PDB file of N, CA and C in Angstrom:
ATOM      1  N   MET A   1       0.697  -1.139   0.311  1.00  0.00           N
ATOM      2  CA  MET A   1       0.297  -0.260  -0.284  1.00  0.00           C
ATOM      3  C   MET A   1       0.882   0.963  -0.080  1.00  0.00           C
ATOM      4  N   GLY A   2       0.316   2.288  -1.134  1.00  0.00           N
ATOM      5  CA  GLY A   2       1.161   3.200  -0.548  1.00  0.00           C
ATOM      6  C   GLY A   2       0.817   4.316   0.229  1.00  0.00           C
ATOM      7  N   TYR A   3       1.736   5.114   0.305  1.00  0.00           N
ATOM      8  CA  TYR A   3       1.296   6.487   1.472  1.00  0.00           C
ATOM      9  C   TYR A   3      -0.744   7.045   0.945  1.00  0.00           C
ATOM     10  N   SER A   4      -0.542   7.649  -0.326  1.00  0.00           N
ATOM     11  CA  SER A   4      -1.418   7.700  -0.770  1.00  0.00           C
ATOM     12  C   SER A   4      -2.654   7.177  -0.558  1.00  0.00           C
ATOM     13  N   SER A   5      -3.230   5.861  -0.478  1.00  0.00           N
ATOM     14  CA  SER A   5      -3.790   4.965  -0.113  1.00  0.00           C
ATOM     15  C   SER A   5      -4.326   5.063   1.455  1.00  0.00           C
ATOM     16  N   LEU A   6      -2.873   5.340   1.925  1.00  0.00           N
ATOM     17  CA  LEU A   6      -3.033   5.344   3.689  1.00  0.00           C
ATOM     18  C   LEU A   6      -3.652   6.710   3.899  1.00  0.00           C
ATOM     19  N   THR A   7      -3.617   7.465   3.530  1.00  0.00           N
ATOM     20  CA  THR A   7      -3.556   9.191   3.494  1.00  0.00           C
ATOM     21  C   THR A   7      -5.310   9.259   3.348  1.00  0.00           C
ATOM     22  N   LYS A   8      -5.638   8.863   2.378  1.00  0.00           N
ATOM     23  CA  LYS A   8      -6.775   8.744   1.808  1.00  0.00           C
ATOM     24  C   LYS A   8      -7.949   8.006   3.040  1.00  0.00           C
ATOM     25  N   LYS A   9      -7.671   6.661   3.457  1.00  0.00           N
ATOM     26  CA  LYS A   9      -8.118   5.893   4.347  1.00  0.00           C
ATOM     27  C   LYS A   9      -8.477   6.742   5.624  1.00  0.00           C
ATOM     28  N   ARG A  10      -7.278   7.370   6.621  1.00  0.00           N
ATOM     29  CA  ARG A  10      -7.240   7.668   6.969  1.00  0.00           C
ATOM     30  C   ARG A  10      -8.290   8.978   7.601  1.00  0.00           C
ATOM     31  N   HIS A  11      -8.346   9.844   6.059  1.00  0.00           N
ATOM     32  CA  HIS A  11      -9.440  11.180   5.879  1.00  0.00           C
ATOM     33  C   HIS A  11     -10.751  10.719   5.778  1.00  0.00           C
ATOM     34  N   GLN A  12     -11.016   8.954   5.152  1.00  0.00           N
ATOM     35  CA  GLN A  12     -12.158   8.775   5.141  1.00  0.00           C
ATOM     36  C   GLN A  12     -12.837   8.884   6.868  1.00  0.00           C
ATOM     37  N   ALA A  13     -12.216   7.962   7.404  1.00  0.00           N
ATOM     38  CA  ALA A  13     -12.418   7.799   8.723  1.00  0.00           C
ATOM     39  C   ALA A  13     -11.946   8.532   9.452  1.00  0.00           C
ATOM     40  N   GLN A  14     -11.773  10.065   9.078  1.00  0.00           N
ATOM     41  CA  GLN A  14     -11.963  11.241  10.244  1.00  0.00           C
ATOM     42  C   GLN A  14     -13.285  11.648   9.449  1.00  0.00           C
ATOM     43  N   GLU A  15     -13.623  11.651   8.105  1.00  0.00           N
ATOM     44  CA  GLU A  15     -14.969  12.320   7.679  1.00  0.00           C
ATOM     45  C   GLU A  15     -15.901  11.903   8.113  1.00  0.00           C
ATOM     46  N   THR A  16     -16.127  10.522   8.390  1.00  0.00           N
ATOM     47  CA  THR A  16     -17.004   9.353   9.266  1.00  0.00           C
ATOM     48  C   THR A  16     -17.408   9.621  10.695  1.00  0.00           C
ATOM     49  N   GLU A  17     -16.118   9.557  11.383  1.00  0.00           N
ATOM     50  CA  GLU A  17     -16.605  10.030  12.768  1.00  0.00           C
ATOM     51  C   GLU A  17     -16.784  11.303  12.685  1.00  0.00           C
ATOM     52  N   ALA A  18     -16.257  12.320  11.514  1.00  0.00           N
ATOM     53  CA  ALA A  18     -17.285  13.487  11.790  1.00  0.00           C
ATOM     54  C   ALA A  18     -18.500  13.590  11.710  1.00  0.00           C
ATOM     55  N   LYS A  19     -19.065  12.701  11.086  1.00  0.00           N
ATOM     56  CA  LYS A  19     -20.358  13.095  10.516  1.00  0.00           C
ATOM     57  C   LYS A  19     -21.195  12.400  11.497  1.00  0.00           C
ATOM     58  N   ILE A  20     -20.510  11.067  12.232  1.00  0.00           N
ATOM     59  CA  ILE A  20     -21.141  10.543  13.615  1.00  0.00           C
ATOM     60  C   ILE A  20     -21.406  11.468  14.756  1.00  0.00           C
ATOM     61  N   ASN A  21     -20.425  12.104  15.084  1.00  0.00           N
ATOM     62  CA  ASN A  21     -20.219  13.050  15.735  1.00  0.00           C
ATOM     63  C   ASN A  21     -21.841  14.221  15.678  1.00  0.00           C
ATOM     64  N   LEU A  22     -21.490  14.785  14.595  1.00  0.00           N
ATOM     65  CA  LEU A  22     -22.545  15.597  13.932  1.00  0.00           C
ATOM     66  C   LEU A  22     -24.065  15.035  14.396  1.00  0.00           C
ATOM     67  N   GLY A  23     -24.350  13.815  13.826  1.00  0.00           N
ATOM     68  CA  GLY A  23     -25.363  13.763  14.115  1.00  0.00           C
ATOM     69  C   GLY A  23     -25.552  13.335  14.980  1.00  0.00           C
ATOM     70  N   ARG A  24     -25.296  12.949  16.174  1.00  0.00           N
ATOM     71  CA  ARG A  24     -25.112  13.158  17.535  1.00  0.00           C
ATOM     72  C   ARG A  24     -25.529  13.971  18.177  1.00  0.00           C
ATOM     73  N   GLU A  25     -24.590  15.190  17.889  1.00  0.00           N
ATOM     74  CA  GLU A  25     -24.645  16.542  18.188  1.00  0.00           C
ATOM     75  C   GLU A  25     -26.114  17.363  17.959  1.00  0.00           C
ATOM     76  N   ILE A  26     -26.871  16.464  16.268  1.00  0.00           N
ATOM     77  CA  ILE A  26     -27.642  17.174  15.993  1.00  0.00           C
ATOM     78  C   ILE A  26     -29.342  16.474  16.773  1.00  0.00           C
ATOM     79  N   ASP A  27     -28.579  15.507  17.153  1.00  0.00           N
ATOM     80  CA  ASP A  27     -30.155  14.627  17.883  1.00  0.00           C
ATOM     81  C   ASP A  27     -30.177  15.251  19.216  1.00  0.00           C
ATOM     82  N   SER A  28     -28.764  15.710  20.229  1.00  0.00           N
ATOM     83  CA  SER A  28     -29.359  16.353  21.327  1.00  0.00           C
ATOM     84  C   SER A  28     -29.579  17.417  20.986  1.00  0.00           C
ATOM     85  N   ILE A  29     -29.384  18.467  20.000  1.00  0.00           N
ATOM     86  CA  ILE A  29     -29.732  19.525  19.895  1.00  0.00           C
ATOM     87  C   ILE A  29     -31.491  19.604  20.190  1.00  0.00           C
ATOM     88  N   ILE A  30     -31.697  18.380  19.138  1.00  0.00           N
ATOM     89  CA  ILE A  30     -33.487  18.237  18.613  1.00  0.00           C
ATOM     90  C   ILE A  30     -34.272  17.740  20.280  1.00  0.00           C
ATOM     91  N   LYS A  31     -33.495  16.698  21.051  1.00  0.00           N
ATOM     92  CA  LYS A  31     -33.895  16.555  22.262  1.00  0.00           C
ATOM     93  C   LYS A  31     -34.355  17.736  23.146  1.00  0.00           C
ATOM     94  N   ASP A  32     -33.418  18.409  23.475  1.00  0.00           N
ATOM     95  CA  ASP A  32     -33.364  19.857  24.444  1.00  0.00           C
ATOM     96  C   ASP A  32     -34.418  20.718  23.984  1.00  0.00           C
ATOM     97  N   ALA A  33     -34.737  20.933  22.295  1.00  0.00           N
ATOM     98  CA  ALA A  33     -35.583  21.596  21.879  1.00  0.00           C
ATOM     99  C   ALA A  33     -37.002  21.261  22.194  1.00  0.00           C
ATOM    100  N   GLU A  34     -36.932  19.702  21.782  1.00  0.00           N
ATOM    101  CA  GLU A  34     -38.669  19.198  21.926  1.00  0.00           C
ATOM    102  C   GLU A  34     -38.750  19.144  23.838  1.00  0.00           C
ATOM    103  N   LYS A  35     -37.823  18.696  24.274  1.00  0.00           N
ATOM    104  CA  LYS A  35     -38.054  19.494  26.089  1.00  0.00           C
ATOM    105  C   LYS A  35     -38.680  20.538  26.755  1.00  0.00           C
ATOM    106  N   LEU A  36     -38.074  21.843  26.097  1.00  0.00           N
ATOM    107  CA  LEU A  36     -38.138  22.825  25.904  1.00  0.00           C
ATOM    108  C   LEU A  36     -39.654  23.416  25.609  1.00  0.00           C
ATOM    109  N   SER A  37     -39.773  22.868  24.370  1.00  0.00           N
ATOM    110  CA  SER A  37     -41.351  23.163  24.244  1.00  0.00           C
ATOM    111  C   SER A  37     -42.277  22.259  24.830  1.00  0.00           C
ATOM    112  N   SER A  38     -41.728  21.075  25.204  1.00  0.00           N
ATOM    113  CA  SER A  38     -43.360  20.656  25.854  1.00  0.00           C
ATOM    114  C   SER A  38     -43.460  21.293  27.530  1.00  0.00           C
ATOM    115  N   THR A  39     -41.793  21.884  27.909  1.00  0.00           N
ATOM    116  CA  THR A  39     -42.434  22.567  29.175  1.00  0.00           C
ATOM    117  C   THR A  39     -43.314  24.048  29.051  1.00  0.00           C
ATOM    118  N   GLN A  40     -42.682  24.656  27.590  1.00  0.00           N
ATOM    119  CA  GLN A  40     -43.688  25.807  27.420  1.00  0.00           C
ATOM    120  C   GLN A  40     -44.490  25.552  27.551  1.00  0.00           C
ATOM    121  N   GLU A  41     -45.184  24.163  26.886  1.00  0.00           N
ATOM    122  CA  GLU A  41     -46.778  24.396  26.522  1.00  0.00           C
ATOM    123  C   GLU A  41     -47.580  23.989  27.827  1.00  0.00           C
ATOM    124  N   ASN A  42     -46.877  23.317  28.883  1.00  0.00           N
ATOM    125  CA  ASN A  42     -47.230  23.029  29.465  1.00  0.00           C
ATOM    126  C   ASN A  42     -47.852  24.176  30.960  1.00  0.00           C
ATOM    127  N   ARG A  43     -47.110  25.054  30.696  1.00  0.00           N
ATOM    128  CA  ARG A  43     -47.667  25.989  31.843  1.00  0.00           C
ATOM    129  C   ARG A  43     -48.418  27.010  31.109  1.00  0.00           C
ATOM    130  N   PRO A  44     -49.030  27.694  32.119  1.00  0.00           N
ATOM    131  CA  PRO A  44     -50.753  28.080  31.380  1.00  0.00           C
ATOM    132  C   PRO A  44     -49.893  29.959  30.861  1.00  0.00           C
ATOM    133  N   LYS A  45     -50.984  30.386  29.990  1.00  0.00           N
ATOM    134  CA  LYS A  45     -50.511  31.484  29.371  1.00  0.00           C
ATOM    135  C   LYS A  45     -50.422  32.641  30.243  1.00  0.00           C
ATOM    136  N   SER A  46     -50.934  33.298  31.257  1.00  0.00           N
ATOM    137  CA  SER A  46     -50.192  33.838  32.227  1.00  0.00           C
ATOM    138  C   SER A  46     -48.634  33.816  32.848  1.00  0.00           C
ATOM    139  N   GLU A  47     -48.344  32.676  33.316  1.00  0.00           N
ATOM    140  CA  GLU A  47     -47.227  32.123  33.592  1.00  0.00           C
ATOM    141  C   GLU A  47     -46.307  32.551  31.923  1.00  0.00           C
ATOM    142  N   ARG A  48     -46.541  32.545  31.039  1.00  0.00           N
ATOM    143  CA  ARG A  48     -45.531  32.374  30.242  1.00  0.00           C
ATOM    144  C   ARG A  48     -45.425  34.031  29.512  1.00  0.00           C
ATOM    145  N   LEU A  49     -46.219  34.568  29.903  1.00  0.00           N
ATOM    146  CA  LEU A  49     -46.708  36.612  29.472  1.00  0.00           C
ATOM    147  C   LEU A  49     -46.101  37.073  31.069  1.00  0.00           C
ATOM    148  N   ALA A  50     -46.149  36.357  32.120  1.00  0.00           N
ATOM    149  CA  ALA A  50     -45.664  37.168  33.576  1.00  0.00           C
ATOM    150  C   ALA A  50     -44.453  38.229  33.224  1.00  0.00           C
ATOM    151  N   GLY A  51     -43.337  37.734  32.279  1.00  0.00           N
ATOM    152  CA  GLY A  51     -41.953  38.755  32.665  1.00  0.00           C
ATOM    153  C   GLY A  51     -42.851  39.493  31.598  1.00  0.00           C
ATOM    154  N   LEU A  52     -43.494  39.555  30.674  1.00  0.00           N
ATOM    155  CA  LEU A  52     -43.032  40.661  29.717  1.00  0.00           C
ATOM    156  C   LEU A  52     -43.595  42.127  29.808  1.00  0.00           C
ATOM    157  N   ARG A  53     -44.420  42.336  30.581  1.00  0.00           N
ATOM    158  CA  ARG A  53     -44.918  43.459  31.129  1.00  0.00           C
ATOM    159  C   ARG A  53     -43.872  44.643  31.868  1.00  0.00           C
ATOM    160  N   GLY A  54     -42.991  43.841  32.881  1.00  0.00           N
ATOM    161  CA  GLY A  54     -41.666  44.217  33.447  1.00  0.00           C
ATOM    162  C   GLY A  54     -40.785  44.545  32.311  1.00  0.00           C
ATOM    163  N   ASN A  55     -40.278  43.649  31.274  1.00  0.00           N
ATOM    164  CA  ASN A  55     -39.748  43.854  30.510  1.00  0.00           C
ATOM    165  C   ASN A  55     -39.285  45.161  29.907  1.00  0.00           C
ATOM    166  N   ARG A  56     -41.213  44.987  29.838  1.00  0.00           N
ATOM    167  CA  ARG A  56     -41.036  46.424  28.438  1.00  0.00           C
ATOM    168  C   ARG A  56     -40.802  47.605  29.166  1.00  0.00           C
ATOM    169  N   LYS A  57     -41.663  48.184  30.211  1.00  0.00           N
ATOM    170  CA  LYS A  57     -41.737  48.476  31.435  1.00  0.00           C
ATOM    171  C   LYS A  57     -39.711  48.906  31.282  1.00  0.00           C
ATOM    172  N   GLU A  58     -38.994  48.468  31.611  1.00  0.00           N
ATOM    173  CA  GLU A  58     -37.130  48.305  31.517  1.00  0.00           C
ATOM    174  C   GLU A  58     -36.824  48.956  30.861  1.00  0.00           C
ATOM    175  N   GLU A  59     -37.028  48.506  29.685  1.00  0.00           N
ATOM    176  CA  GLU A  59     -37.165  48.904  28.482  1.00  0.00           C
ATOM    177  C   GLU A  59     -37.336  50.273  27.750  1.00  0.00           C
ATOM    178  N   ARG A  60     -38.534  50.678  28.305  1.00  0.00           N
ATOM    179  CA  ARG A  60     -38.738  51.905  27.955  1.00  0.00           C
ATOM    180  C   ARG A  60     -38.384  53.118  28.597  1.00  0.00           C
ATOM    181  N   GLU A  61     -37.494  52.568  30.059  1.00  0.00           N
ATOM    182  CA  GLU A  61     -37.220  53.611  30.629  1.00  0.00           C
ATOM    183  C   GLU A  61     -35.714  53.845  30.186  1.00  0.00           C
ATOM    184  N   GLN A  62     -35.068  52.707  30.368  1.00  0.00           N
ATOM    185  CA  GLN A  62     -33.435  52.656  29.024  1.00  0.00           C
ATOM    186  C   GLN A  62     -33.075  53.498  28.354  1.00  0.00           C
ATOM    187  N   ILE A  63     -34.435  53.297  26.595  1.00  0.00           N
ATOM    188  CA  ILE A  63     -34.621  54.270  26.290  1.00  0.00           C
ATOM    189  C   ILE A  63     -34.633  55.596  26.463  1.00  0.00           C
ATOM    190  N   ARG A  64     -35.660  56.112  27.788  1.00  0.00           N
ATOM    191  CA  ARG A  64     -35.686  57.592  27.725  1.00  0.00           C
ATOM    192  C   ARG A  64     -34.590  57.690  28.372  1.00  0.00           C
ATOM    193  N   LYS A  65     -33.666  57.067  29.162  1.00  0.00           N
ATOM    194  CA  LYS A  65     -32.295  57.458  29.439  1.00  0.00           C
ATOM    195  C   LYS A  65     -31.348  58.029  28.367  1.00  0.00           C
ATOM    196  N   GLN A  66     -31.489  57.334  27.693  1.00  0.00           N
ATOM    197  CA  GLN A  66     -30.366  57.539  26.526  1.00  0.00           C
ATOM    198  C   GLN A  66     -30.859  58.362  25.495  1.00  0.00           C
ATOM    199  N   GLU A  67     -31.917  58.526  25.174  1.00  0.00           N
ATOM    200  CA  GLU A  67     -32.521  59.835  24.359  1.00  0.00           C
ATOM    201  C   GLU A  67     -31.744  60.969  25.619  1.00  0.00           C
ATOM    202  N   ALA A  68     -32.289  60.911  26.665  1.00  0.00           N
ATOM    203  CA  ALA A  68     -32.045  62.496  27.546  1.00  0.00           C
ATOM    204  C   ALA A  68     -30.354  62.552  27.575  1.00  0.00           C
ATOM    205  N   PHE A  69     -29.743  61.421  27.576  1.00  0.00           N
ATOM    206  CA  PHE A  69     -28.227  61.391  27.297  1.00  0.00           C
ATOM    207  C   PHE A  69     -27.886  61.862  25.941  1.00  0.00           C
ATOM    208  N   THR A  70     -28.115  61.453  25.232  1.00  0.00           N
ATOM    209  CA  THR A  70     -28.138  62.349  23.359  1.00  0.00           C
ATOM    210  C   THR A  70     -28.788  63.454  23.322  1.00  0.00           C
ATOM    211  N   ALA A  71     -30.094  64.161  23.998  1.00  0.00           N
ATOM    212  CA  ALA A  71     -30.304  65.367  24.090  1.00  0.00           C
ATOM    213  C   ALA A  71     -29.787  66.043  24.825  1.00  0.00           C
ATOM    214  N   GLU A  72     -28.810  65.723  25.757  1.00  0.00           N
ATOM    215  CA  GLU A  72     -27.898  66.399  27.092  1.00  0.00           C
ATOM    216  C   GLU A  72     -26.402  66.817  25.727  1.00  0.00           C
ATOM    217  N   VAL A  73     -25.630  65.558  25.760  1.00  0.00           N
ATOM    218  CA  VAL A  73     -24.937  65.481  24.100  1.00  0.00           C
ATOM    219  C   VAL A  73     -25.018  66.948  22.843  1.00  0.00           C
ATOM    220  N   GLU A  74     -26.403  66.746  22.515  1.00  0.00           N
ATOM    221  CA  GLU A  74     -26.665  67.379  21.338  1.00  0.00           C
ATOM    222  C   GLU A  74     -26.671  69.289  21.954  1.00  0.00           C
ATOM    223  N   SER A  75     -27.296  69.684  22.688  1.00  0.00           N
ATOM    224  CA  SER A  75     -27.512  70.763  23.338  1.00  0.00           C
ATOM    225  C   SER A  75     -26.155  71.469  23.903  1.00  0.00           C
ATOM    226  N   ALA A  76     -25.106  70.280  24.311  1.00  0.00           N
ATOM    227  CA  ALA A  76     -23.758  71.035  25.052  1.00  0.00           C
ATOM    228  C   ALA A  76     -23.005  71.245  23.631  1.00  0.00           C
ATOM    229  N   ALA A  77     -22.906  70.454  22.871  1.00  0.00           N
ATOM    230  CA  ALA A  77     -21.826  70.782  21.637  1.00  0.00           C
ATOM    231  C   ALA A  77     -23.329  71.882  20.892  1.00  0.00           C
ATOM    232  N   GLU A  78     -24.342  72.014  20.559  1.00  0.00           N
ATOM    233  CA  GLU A  78     -24.832  73.160  20.272  1.00  0.00           C
ATOM    234  C   GLU A  78     -24.415  74.485  20.591  1.00  0.00           C
ATOM    235  N   GLN A  79     -24.142  75.065  22.079  1.00  0.00           N
ATOM    236  CA  GLN A  79     -23.734  76.082  23.005  1.00  0.00           C
ATOM    237  C   GLN A  79     -22.732  76.581  22.284  1.00  0.00           C
ATOM    238  N   PRO A  80     -21.346  76.121  22.198  1.00  0.00           N
ATOM    239  CA  PRO A  80     -20.152  76.705  21.878  1.00  0.00           C
ATOM    240  C   PRO A  80     -20.642  77.723  20.538  1.00  0.00           C
ATOM    241  N   GLY A  81     -20.905  76.741  19.727  1.00  0.00           N
ATOM    242  CA  GLY A  81     -21.130  77.384  18.429  1.00  0.00           C
ATOM    243  C   GLY A  81     -22.356  78.206  17.636  1.00  0.00           C
ATOM    244  N   ARG A  82     -22.871  78.136  18.821  1.00  0.00           N
ATOM    245  CA  ARG A  82     -24.753  78.687  19.045  1.00  0.00           C
ATOM    246  C   ARG A  82     -24.186  79.917  17.670  1.00  0.00           C
ATOM    247  N   GLU A  83     -25.013  80.415  16.881  1.00  0.00           N
ATOM    248  CA  GLU A  83     -24.897  81.474  15.955  1.00  0.00           C
ATOM    249  C   GLU A  83     -26.236  82.664  16.312  1.00  0.00           C
ATOM    250  N   LYS A  84     -25.979  83.912  16.429  1.00  0.00           N
ATOM    251  CA  LYS A  84     -26.774  84.759  17.178  1.00  0.00           C
ATOM    252  C   LYS A  84     -27.804  85.371  16.243  1.00  0.00           C
ATOM    253  N   THR A  85     -28.703  85.227  16.325  1.00  0.00           N
ATOM    254  CA  THR A  85     -29.997  85.620  15.354  1.00  0.00           C
ATOM    255  C   THR A  85     -30.047  87.100  15.912  1.00  0.00           C
ATOM    256  N   GLU A  86     -30.322  87.752  14.748  1.00  0.00           N
ATOM    257  CA  GLU A  86     -30.741  89.318  14.417  1.00  0.00           C
ATOM    258  C   GLU A  86     -31.938  89.316  15.455  1.00  0.00           C
ATOM    259  N   GLU A  87     -31.871  90.663  16.259  1.00  0.00           N
ATOM    260  CA  GLU A  87     -33.158  90.929  16.412  1.00  0.00           C
ATOM    261  C   GLU A  87     -33.889  91.559  15.791  1.00  0.00           C
ATOM    262  N   ILE A  88     -34.939  92.356  15.577  1.00  0.00           N
ATOM    263  CA  ILE A  88     -35.926  93.069  14.274  1.00  0.00           C
ATOM    264  C   ILE A  88     -36.213  93.499  15.057  1.00  0.00           C
ATOM    265  N   SER A  89     -36.311  95.205  14.921  1.00  0.00           N
ATOM    266  CA  SER A  89     -36.859  96.416  15.502  1.00  0.00           C
ATOM    267  C   SER A  89     -38.272  96.304  15.348  1.00  0.00           C
ATOM    268  N   PRO A  90     -39.000  96.872  16.316  1.00  0.00           N
ATOM    269  CA  PRO A  90     -40.530  97.199  16.258  1.00  0.00           C
ATOM    270  C   PRO A  90     -40.618  97.592  14.646  1.00  0.00           C
ATOM    271  N   ALA A  91     -40.320  98.292  14.421  1.00  0.00           N
ATOM    272  CA  ALA A  91     -40.651  99.219  13.235  1.00  0.00           C
ATOM    273  C   ALA A  91     -40.541  98.319  11.912  1.00  0.00           C
ATOM    274  N   MET A  92     -39.175  97.603  12.006  1.00  0.00           N
ATOM    275  CA  MET A  92     -38.670  97.006  10.863  1.00  0.00           C
ATOM    276  C   MET A  92     -40.363  95.361  10.751  1.00  0.00           C
ATOM    277  N   GLN A  93     -40.268  95.055  12.030  1.00  0.00           N
ATOM    278  CA  GLN A  93     -41.287  93.933  12.628  1.00  0.00           C
ATOM    279  C   GLN A  93     -42.759  94.627  11.159  1.00  0.00           C
ATOM    280  N   MET A  94     -42.946  95.795  11.551  1.00  0.00           N
ATOM    281  CA  MET A  94     -44.124  96.471  11.167  1.00  0.00           C
ATOM    282  C   MET A  94     -44.483  96.371   9.721  1.00  0.00           C
ATOM    283  N   ILE A  95     -43.056  97.248   9.053  1.00  0.00           N
ATOM    284  CA  ILE A  95     -42.730  97.095   8.182  1.00  0.00           C
ATOM    285  C   ILE A  95     -43.465  95.882   6.986  1.00  0.00           C
ATOM    286  N   ARG A  96     -42.284  94.759   7.741  1.00  0.00           N
ATOM    287  CA  ARG A  96     -42.573  93.557   7.439  1.00  0.00           C
ATOM    288  C   ARG A  96     -43.666  92.778   6.985  1.00  0.00           C
ATOM    289  N   ARG A  97     -44.728  92.781   8.182  1.00  0.00           N
ATOM    290  CA  ARG A  97     -46.269  92.611   8.299  1.00  0.00           C
ATOM    291  C   ARG A  97     -46.818  93.431   7.249  1.00  0.00           C
ATOM    292  N   LYS A  98     -46.712  94.560   7.150  1.00  0.00           N
ATOM    293  CA  LYS A  98     -47.499  95.480   6.207  1.00  0.00           C
ATOM    294  C   LYS A  98     -47.090  94.512   4.624  1.00  0.00           C
ATOM    295  N   MET A  99     -45.709  94.276   4.264  1.00  0.00           N
ATOM    296  CA  MET A  99     -45.337  93.799   3.227  1.00  0.00           C
ATOM    297  C   MET A  99     -45.864  92.655   3.204  1.00  0.00           C
ATOM    298  N   GLU A 100     -46.230  91.584   3.850  1.00  0.00           N
ATOM    299  CA  GLU A 100     -46.492  90.171   3.633  1.00  0.00           C
ATOM    300  C   GLU A 100     -48.064  90.236   3.218  1.00  0.00           C
ATOM    301  N   GLU A 101     -48.997  91.007   4.115  1.00  0.00           N
ATOM    302  CA  GLU A 101     -50.164  91.501   3.615  1.00  0.00           C
ATOM    303  C   GLU A 101     -50.228  92.052   2.800  1.00  0.00           C
ATOM    304  N   LYS A 102     -50.077  92.955   1.945  1.00  0.00           N
ATOM    305  CA  LYS A 102     -49.941  93.581   1.114  1.00  0.00           C
ATOM    306  C   LYS A 102     -49.613  92.375  -0.562  1.00  0.00           C
ATOM    307  N   ILE A 103     -48.630  91.497  -0.205  1.00  0.00           N
ATOM    308  CA  ILE A 103     -48.181  89.759  -1.105  1.00  0.00           C
ATOM    309  C   ILE A 103     -49.533  88.901  -1.172  1.00  0.00           C
ATOM    310  N   LYS A 104     -49.903  89.326   0.502  1.00  0.00           N
ATOM    311  CA  LYS A 104     -51.088  88.427   0.288  1.00  0.00           C
ATOM    312  C   LYS A 104     -52.408  88.464  -0.016  1.00  0.00           C
ATOM    313  N   ASP A 105     -52.775  89.544  -0.495  1.00  0.00           N
ATOM    314  CA  ASP A 105     -53.944  90.644  -0.891  1.00  0.00           C
ATOM    315  C   ASP A 105     -53.920  90.655  -2.855  1.00  0.00           C
ATOM    316  N   GLU A 106     -52.285  90.643  -2.205  1.00  0.00           N
ATOM    317  CA  GLU A 106     -52.339  90.824  -4.599  1.00  0.00           C
ATOM    318  C   GLU A 106     -52.340  89.788  -4.885  1.00  0.00           C
ATOM    319  N   SER A 107     -51.362  88.410  -3.860  1.00  0.00           N
ATOM    320  CA  SER A 107     -51.820  86.856  -4.633  1.00  0.00           C
ATOM    321  C   SER A 107     -53.361  86.175  -4.294  1.00  0.00           C
ATOM    322  N   LEU A 108     -53.896  87.057  -3.337  1.00  0.00           N
ATOM    323  CA  LEU A 108     -55.580  86.973  -3.400  1.00  0.00           C
ATOM    324  C   LEU A 108     -56.743  87.265  -4.172  1.00  0.00           C
ATOM    325  N   TYR A 109     -56.180  89.264  -4.639  1.00  0.00           N
ATOM    326  CA  TYR A 109     -56.853  89.483  -5.698  1.00  0.00           C
ATOM    327  C   TYR A 109     -57.054  89.982  -6.811  1.00  0.00           C
ATOM    328  N   GLY A 110     -55.895  89.510  -6.854  1.00  0.00           N
ATOM    329  CA  GLY A 110     -54.410  90.032  -8.298  1.00  0.00           C
ATOM    330  C   GLY A 110     -54.554  91.207  -8.266  1.00  0.00           C
ATOM    331  N   LYS A 111     -54.862  92.050  -7.640  1.00  0.00           N
ATOM    332  CA  LYS A 111     -54.394  93.512  -7.679  1.00  0.00           C
ATOM    333  C   LYS A 111     -53.924  94.318  -6.318  1.00  0.00           C
ATOM    334  N   GLY A 112     -53.192  95.802  -6.416  1.00  0.00           N
ATOM    335  CA  GLY A 112     -52.408  95.808  -5.522  1.00  0.00           C
ATOM    336  C   GLY A 112     -51.149  96.366  -6.083  1.00  0.00           C
ATOM    337  N   SER A 113     -50.685  97.188  -5.108  1.00  0.00           N
ATOM    338  CA  SER A 113     -49.041  97.280  -5.896  1.00  0.00           C
ATOM    339  C   SER A 113     -48.251  97.437  -3.899  1.00  0.00           C
ATOM    340  N   LEU A 114     -46.731  96.875  -4.361  1.00  0.00           N
ATOM    341  CA  LEU A 114     -45.722  96.861  -3.595  1.00  0.00           C
ATOM    342  C   LEU A 114     -45.780  98.464  -2.690  1.00  0.00           C
ATOM    343  N   SER A 115     -45.732  99.437  -3.384  1.00  0.00           N
ATOM    344  CA  SER A 115     -45.715 101.282  -3.513  1.00  0.00           C
ATOM    345  C   SER A 115     -46.205 101.531  -2.337  1.00  0.00           C
TER     346      SER A 115
END
């Protein structure tokens, strides 16, 4: 027998052993899943759903804390580079309001002038 035939037989033996081990592992996973599902089915619905409300409440609190932290970070980032807005004098506000009224009237009635 040559070297290649010996290595070929060795690889075949290893493959067979790996397939057997895989089959055993699959069987054990299936048995565990069947046990778990049978215990889940025997419990009443109220017992199965008992922790959901508390878990949801905890999740909401965590989301609120995270959003609050995010809002704090954003507001802190905005403060140093905050742009100053121009304040419009009362006279300028009145002029702007009159102009907007004239533009509105002109668009509604098709007449009037801006001067």
